[in-house]
Amino acid sequence: MNIEFNPNRITGPAAGQPVAKSDAPAPQQDTASLGKADELKSAINNIPLVRPEKVAAAREAISDAKYPPDSMLRAISALIAEKLK
């Protein structure tokens, strides 16, 4: 079997020939309710950028002379030493 491929070959209606119009109905417009999206966007915009209770907890932690605890410092240093090997 011999298959000939010619990319210049016109397989559709020849240039200049009219193309029959389709009687297919126009596609219907999809509609969506964006009420929930607007509610979510509003909720996201109302989230505070700073949480005062977390800031207060962090200030309390760093004001403590024993923070971070020695056990945490030893664990962190052990992890760093392990990764350097």
N, C-alpha and C. Protein backbone atom coordinates (compact mmCIF):
# COMPACT_ATOMS: atom_id res chain seq x y z
N MET A 1 0.84 -1.16 0.00
CA MET A 1 0.00 0.00 0.00
C MET A 1 0.89 1.23 0.00
N ASN A 2 0.59 2.18 -0.83
CA ASN A 2 1.37 3.39 -0.95
C ASN A 2 0.50 4.57 -0.54
N ILE A 3 0.93 5.32 0.49
CA ILE A 3 0.18 6.48 0.96
C ILE A 3 0.97 7.72 0.60
N GLU A 4 0.31 8.64 -0.09
CA GLU A 4 0.96 9.87 -0.52
C GLU A 4 0.50 11.01 0.39
N PHE A 5 1.46 11.74 0.92
CA PHE A 5 1.14 12.87 1.78
C PHE A 5 1.53 14.14 1.06
N ASN A 6 0.57 15.04 0.90
CA ASN A 6 0.85 16.31 0.26
C ASN A 6 0.21 17.40 1.11
N PRO A 7 1.02 18.17 1.88
CA PRO A 7 0.44 19.18 2.75
C PRO A 7 -0.20 20.34 1.98
N ASN A 8 0.11 20.48 0.69
CA ASN A 8 -0.45 21.57 -0.11
C ASN A 8 -1.78 21.21 -0.75
N ARG A 9 -2.20 20.01 -0.59
CA ARG A 9 -3.44 19.54 -1.20
C ARG A 9 -4.63 20.08 -0.42
N ILE A 10 -5.57 20.67 -1.12
CA ILE A 10 -6.77 21.22 -0.50
C ILE A 10 -7.82 20.12 -0.47
N THR A 11 -8.26 19.78 0.74
CA THR A 11 -9.25 18.70 0.86
C THR A 11 -10.65 19.22 1.11
N GLY A 12 -10.77 20.47 1.52
CA GLY A 12 -12.08 21.06 1.78
C GLY A 12 -12.60 21.72 0.52
N PRO A 13 -13.58 22.60 0.67
CA PRO A 13 -14.08 23.32 -0.50
C PRO A 13 -12.96 24.14 -1.14
N ALA A 14 -12.94 24.17 -2.42
CA ALA A 14 -11.90 24.90 -3.13
C ALA A 14 -12.03 26.39 -2.86
N ALA A 15 -10.92 27.09 -2.94
CA ALA A 15 -10.92 28.53 -2.70
C ALA A 15 -11.88 29.20 -3.67
N GLY A 16 -12.66 30.12 -3.15
CA GLY A 16 -13.59 30.83 -4.00
C GLY A 16 -14.96 30.18 -4.07
N GLN A 17 -15.10 28.95 -3.63
CA GLN A 17 -16.40 28.29 -3.66
C GLN A 17 -17.16 28.64 -2.39
N PRO A 18 -18.45 28.90 -2.49
CA PRO A 18 -19.23 29.24 -1.30
C PRO A 18 -19.37 28.02 -0.38
N VAL A 19 -19.41 28.30 0.87
CA VAL A 19 -19.58 27.25 1.88
C VAL A 19 -21.00 27.37 2.40
N ALA A 20 -21.69 26.25 2.48
CA ALA A 20 -23.08 26.26 2.94
C ALA A 20 -23.12 26.62 4.43
N LYS A 21 -24.09 27.47 4.80
CA LYS A 21 -24.25 27.85 6.20
C LYS A 21 -24.96 26.74 6.94
N SER A 22 -24.59 26.58 8.17
CA SER A 22 -25.22 25.56 9.01
C SER A 22 -26.48 26.15 9.62
N ASP A 23 -27.51 25.34 9.76
CA ASP A 23 -28.75 25.77 10.38
C ASP A 23 -28.75 25.47 11.87
N ALA A 24 -27.58 25.19 12.42
CA ALA A 24 -27.48 24.88 13.85
C ALA A 24 -27.82 26.12 14.66
N PRO A 25 -28.54 25.94 15.76
CA PRO A 25 -28.88 27.10 16.60
C PRO A 25 -27.63 27.67 17.26
N ALA A 26 -27.67 28.96 17.54
CA ALA A 26 -26.55 29.61 18.20
C ALA A 26 -26.40 29.05 19.61
N PRO A 27 -25.19 28.90 20.09
CA PRO A 27 -25.01 28.36 21.44
C PRO A 27 -25.62 29.29 22.48
N GLN A 28 -26.21 28.71 23.50
CA GLN A 28 -26.81 29.50 24.57
C GLN A 28 -25.73 30.01 25.50
N GLN A 29 -25.97 31.19 26.04
CA GLN A 29 -25.03 31.77 26.98
C GLN A 29 -25.17 31.07 28.32
N ASP A 30 -24.05 30.66 28.88
CA ASP A 30 -24.07 30.08 30.21
C ASP A 30 -24.19 31.20 31.23
N THR A 31 -24.95 30.95 32.25
CA THR A 31 -25.06 31.94 33.31
C THR A 31 -24.66 31.28 34.61
N ALA A 32 -24.06 32.05 35.47
CA ALA A 32 -23.62 31.53 36.76
C ALA A 32 -23.93 32.57 37.82
N SER A 33 -24.25 32.08 38.97
CA SER A 33 -24.49 32.98 40.08
C SER A 33 -23.16 33.20 40.80
N LEU A 34 -22.77 34.44 40.91
CA LEU A 34 -21.50 34.76 41.53
C LEU A 34 -21.69 35.27 42.95
N GLY A 35 -22.87 35.07 43.49
CA GLY A 35 -23.14 35.54 44.85
C GLY A 35 -22.21 34.92 45.87
N LYS A 36 -22.00 33.61 45.77
CA LYS A 36 -21.10 32.93 46.71
C LYS A 36 -19.67 33.41 46.54
N ALA A 37 -19.24 33.61 45.30
CA ALA A 37 -17.88 34.08 45.05
C ALA A 37 -17.68 35.47 45.66
N ASP A 38 -18.69 36.31 45.52
CA ASP A 38 -18.60 37.65 46.11
C ASP A 38 -18.53 37.57 47.63
N GLU A 39 -19.31 36.64 48.21
CA GLU A 39 -19.27 36.48 49.67
C GLU A 39 -17.89 36.01 50.12
N LEU A 40 -17.31 35.06 49.40
CA LEU A 40 -15.98 34.56 49.75
C LEU A 40 -14.92 35.66 49.62
N LYS A 41 -15.01 36.42 48.54
CA LYS A 41 -14.05 37.51 48.33
C LYS A 41 -14.16 38.53 49.46
N SER A 42 -15.37 38.83 49.85
CA SER A 42 -15.59 39.78 50.94
C SER A 42 -15.02 39.24 52.25
N ALA A 43 -15.25 37.94 52.50
CA ALA A 43 -14.73 37.33 53.73
C ALA A 43 -13.20 37.35 53.74
N ILE A 44 -12.58 37.07 52.61
CA ILE A 44 -11.12 37.07 52.52
C ILE A 44 -10.58 38.49 52.75
N ASN A 45 -11.26 39.46 52.17
CA ASN A 45 -10.80 40.85 52.34
C ASN A 45 -10.96 41.34 53.77
N ASN A 46 -11.84 40.70 54.55
CA ASN A 46 -12.07 41.12 55.93
C ASN A 46 -11.19 40.40 56.94
N ILE A 47 -10.33 39.49 56.47
CA ILE A 47 -9.42 38.80 57.38
C ILE A 47 -8.33 39.79 57.79
N PRO A 48 -8.09 39.94 59.08
CA PRO A 48 -7.06 40.90 59.49
C PRO A 48 -5.67 40.42 59.10
N LEU A 49 -4.81 41.36 58.73
CA LEU A 49 -3.44 41.01 58.34
C LEU A 49 -2.59 40.67 59.55
N VAL A 50 -2.93 41.21 60.70
CA VAL A 50 -2.18 40.97 61.93
C VAL A 50 -3.15 40.42 62.97
N ARG A 51 -2.74 39.33 63.62
CA ARG A 51 -3.56 38.76 64.69
C ARG A 51 -2.95 39.19 66.02
N PRO A 52 -3.60 40.12 66.71
CA PRO A 52 -3.04 40.68 67.94
C PRO A 52 -2.71 39.64 69.00
N GLU A 53 -3.51 38.58 69.11
CA GLU A 53 -3.23 37.56 70.12
C GLU A 53 -1.94 36.81 69.83
N LYS A 54 -1.63 36.60 68.55
CA LYS A 54 -0.37 35.94 68.18
C LYS A 54 0.82 36.86 68.42
N VAL A 55 0.65 38.15 68.14
CA VAL A 55 1.72 39.12 68.39
C VAL A 55 2.02 39.19 69.88
N ALA A 56 0.97 39.21 70.70
CA ALA A 56 1.16 39.27 72.15
C ALA A 56 1.87 38.02 72.66
N ALA A 57 1.50 36.85 72.13
CA ALA A 57 2.16 35.60 72.54
C ALA A 57 3.63 35.60 72.14
N ALA A 58 3.93 36.10 70.95
CA ALA A 58 5.33 36.15 70.49
C ALA A 58 6.14 37.12 71.34
N ARG A 59 5.56 38.26 71.68
CA ARG A 59 6.28 39.23 72.52
C ARG A 59 6.56 38.65 73.90
N GLU A 60 5.58 37.93 74.42
CA GLU A 60 5.76 37.31 75.73
C GLU A 60 6.87 36.26 75.68
N ALA A 61 6.90 35.47 74.59
CA ALA A 61 7.91 34.43 74.46
C ALA A 61 9.31 35.01 74.37
N ILE A 62 9.49 36.05 73.57
CA ILE A 62 10.85 36.59 73.40
C ILE A 62 11.30 37.43 74.60
N SER A 63 10.36 37.85 75.41
CA SER A 63 10.76 38.59 76.61
C SER A 63 11.25 37.66 77.72
N ASP A 64 10.96 36.37 77.58
CA ASP A 64 11.39 35.38 78.56
C ASP A 64 12.86 35.04 78.30
N ALA A 65 13.70 35.17 79.32
CA ALA A 65 15.14 34.91 79.17
C ALA A 65 15.41 33.43 78.88
N LYS A 66 14.49 32.56 79.20
CA LYS A 66 14.70 31.12 78.98
C LYS A 66 14.09 30.64 77.66
N TYR A 67 13.78 31.56 76.78
CA TYR A 67 13.23 31.18 75.47
C TYR A 67 14.29 31.37 74.42
N PRO A 68 14.54 30.48 73.53
CA PRO A 68 14.01 29.13 73.49
C PRO A 68 14.67 28.25 74.54
N PRO A 69 13.98 27.21 74.96
CA PRO A 69 14.54 26.34 76.00
C PRO A 69 15.83 25.66 75.53
N ASP A 70 16.68 25.30 76.47
CA ASP A 70 17.95 24.65 76.14
C ASP A 70 17.72 23.35 75.36
N SER A 71 16.67 22.63 75.70
CA SER A 71 16.39 21.36 74.99
C SER A 71 16.12 21.61 73.51
N MET A 72 15.42 22.70 73.20
CA MET A 72 15.15 23.03 71.80
C MET A 72 16.43 23.43 71.09
N LEU A 73 17.28 24.22 71.75
CA LEU A 73 18.55 24.61 71.14
C LEU A 73 19.44 23.41 70.88
N ARG A 74 19.47 22.44 71.82
CA ARG A 74 20.26 21.22 71.62
C ARG A 74 19.71 20.41 70.45
N ALA A 75 18.41 20.30 70.35
CA ALA A 75 17.81 19.54 69.24
C ALA A 75 18.12 20.19 67.90
N ILE A 76 18.03 21.51 67.84
CA ILE A 76 18.33 22.22 66.58
C ILE A 76 19.79 22.08 66.22
N SER A 77 20.67 22.21 67.21
CA SER A 77 22.10 22.07 66.91
C SER A 77 22.44 20.65 66.48
N ALA A 78 21.76 19.66 67.06
CA ALA A 78 21.99 18.28 66.64
C ALA A 78 21.55 18.06 65.20
N LEU A 79 20.43 18.64 64.82
CA LEU A 79 19.96 18.52 63.43
C LEU A 79 20.93 19.19 62.46
N ILE A 80 21.42 20.36 62.84
CA ILE A 80 22.38 21.06 61.97
C ILE A 80 23.67 20.24 61.84
N ALA A 81 24.17 19.70 62.95
CA ALA A 81 25.39 18.89 62.91
C ALA A 81 25.20 17.66 62.06
N GLU A 82 24.00 17.06 62.14
CA GLU A 82 23.71 15.86 61.33
C GLU A 82 23.73 16.19 59.85
N LYS A 83 23.19 17.34 59.48
CA LYS A 83 23.13 17.73 58.06
C LYS A 83 24.51 18.13 57.53
N LEU A 84 25.41 18.57 58.40
CA LEU A 84 26.75 18.99 57.96
C LEU A 84 27.67 17.81 57.73
N LYS A 85 27.32 16.65 58.22
CA LYS A 85 28.20 15.48 58.05
C LYS A 85 28.30 15.05 56.62
